[in-house]
Amino acid sequence: MAEAADPEIEIQDVKASSRYEIHVGTELAGLADYRLEGDRIAFTHTEVDPAHGGQGLGSRLIEFAVTDARSRGLEIIPRCPFVRKWIEENPAPA
């Protein structure tokens, strides 16, 4: 699953590395590490390259990752403070 809204930005789940990645062009701009435990996904760390800071890429990355996890019926465990805050500000639709 990859985002196509902006041809410069691609977000994907890199299952082999247990992380979601956001790329700007060919450059890795950020990542969200996770641990998949059965029907639960624990987000453990989110990072955006400082060269790409202030562009909202972290929020776009987590929106994609959380939406993907929810669509797969996974229980989200937000161990990463950034993910926890994003979920608090963007609760699941009823």
Protein backbone atom coordinates (compact mmCIF):
# COMPACT_ATOMS: atom_id res chain seq x y z
CA MET A 1 0.00 0.00 0.00
CA ALA A 2 1.59 3.30 -1.07
CA GLU A 3 0.31 6.85 -0.99
CA ALA A 4 -0.14 8.46 -4.41
CA ALA A 5 -1.49 11.93 -3.52
CA ASP A 6 1.88 13.59 -4.10
CA PRO A 7 4.17 12.05 -6.74
CA GLU A 8 7.21 13.23 -4.77
CA ILE A 9 6.10 11.46 -1.58
CA GLU A 10 5.70 7.71 -1.16
CA ILE A 11 4.75 5.93 2.07
CA GLN A 12 4.95 2.19 2.45
CA ASP A 13 5.01 -0.63 4.97
CA VAL A 14 8.42 -2.29 4.71
CA LYS A 15 7.45 -5.53 6.41
CA ALA A 16 10.95 -7.03 6.20
CA SER A 17 12.22 -4.15 8.36
CA SER A 18 9.08 -3.88 10.55
CA ARG A 19 8.63 -0.22 9.77
CA TYR A 20 6.69 2.24 7.69
CA GLU A 21 8.84 4.55 5.58
CA ILE A 22 8.19 7.89 3.95
CA HIS A 23 10.31 8.84 0.95
CA VAL A 24 10.61 12.23 -0.71
CA GLY A 25 11.76 11.44 -4.22
CA THR A 26 14.36 8.72 -3.77
CA GLU A 27 15.40 9.88 -0.29
CA LEU A 28 14.27 8.20 2.94
CA ALA A 29 12.77 11.10 4.91
CA GLY A 30 11.31 9.28 7.91
CA LEU A 31 10.27 6.02 9.48
CA ALA A 32 7.97 4.52 12.08
CA ASP A 33 9.23 1.32 13.68
CA TYR A 34 6.74 -1.27 14.91
CA ARG A 35 6.47 -4.72 16.40
CA LEU A 36 3.69 -6.94 15.12
CA GLU A 37 2.42 -9.29 17.83
CA GLY A 38 -0.47 -11.38 16.53
CA ASP A 39 -3.41 -9.00 16.09
CA ARG A 40 -1.58 -6.12 17.82
CA ILE A 41 0.87 -3.60 16.40
CA ALA A 42 3.12 -1.68 18.78
CA PHE A 43 4.58 1.51 17.35
CA THR A 44 7.91 1.94 19.13
CA HIS A 45 9.73 4.82 17.42
CA THR A 46 9.08 7.54 14.85
CA GLU A 47 11.79 9.62 13.25
CA VAL A 48 11.95 12.26 10.51
CA ASP A 49 15.25 13.37 9.03
CA PRO A 50 15.96 16.92 10.26
CA ALA A 51 16.49 17.97 6.62
CA HIS A 52 12.78 17.25 6.11
CA GLY A 53 11.52 18.62 9.42
CA GLY A 54 8.65 21.07 9.64
CA GLN A 55 6.93 19.76 6.50
CA GLY A 56 4.31 17.61 8.23
CA LEU A 57 5.90 14.39 7.00
CA GLY A 58 5.78 12.75 10.44
CA SER A 59 2.04 13.32 10.66
CA ARG A 60 1.50 12.05 7.11
CA LEU A 61 3.57 8.97 7.90
CA ILE A 62 1.65 8.17 11.09
CA GLU A 63 -1.72 8.87 9.49
CA PHE A 64 -0.86 6.34 6.80
CA ALA A 65 0.49 3.76 9.28
CA VAL A 66 -2.44 4.05 11.71
CA THR A 67 -5.01 3.99 8.90
CA ASP A 68 -3.33 0.89 7.46
CA ALA A 69 -3.22 -0.84 10.85
CA ARG A 70 -6.87 -0.01 11.54
CA SER A 71 -7.91 -1.29 8.09
CA ARG A 72 -6.23 -4.61 8.95
CA GLY A 73 -8.15 -4.82 12.25
CA LEU A 74 -5.01 -4.52 14.37
CA GLU A 75 -5.08 -3.23 17.93
CA ILE A 76 -2.68 -0.28 18.08
CA ILE A 77 -0.27 0.01 21.00
CA PRO A 78 1.27 3.53 20.79
CA ARG A 79 4.54 3.16 22.72
CA CYS A 80 6.03 6.04 20.73
CA PRO A 81 4.99 9.43 22.19
CA PHE A 82 4.53 10.95 18.71
CA VAL A 83 2.15 8.15 17.68
CA ARG A 84 0.29 8.37 21.02
CA LYS A 85 -0.25 12.12 20.57
CA TRP A 86 -1.35 11.72 16.94
CA ILE A 87 -3.94 9.07 17.93
CA GLU A 88 -5.25 11.26 20.77
CA GLU A 89 -5.73 14.10 18.28
CA ASN A 90 -7.20 11.83 15.58
CA PRO A 91 -9.44 9.21 17.23
CA ALA A 92 -10.75 6.28 15.24
CA PRO A 93 -14.01 6.97 13.42
CA ALA A 94 -17.04 5.57 15.23
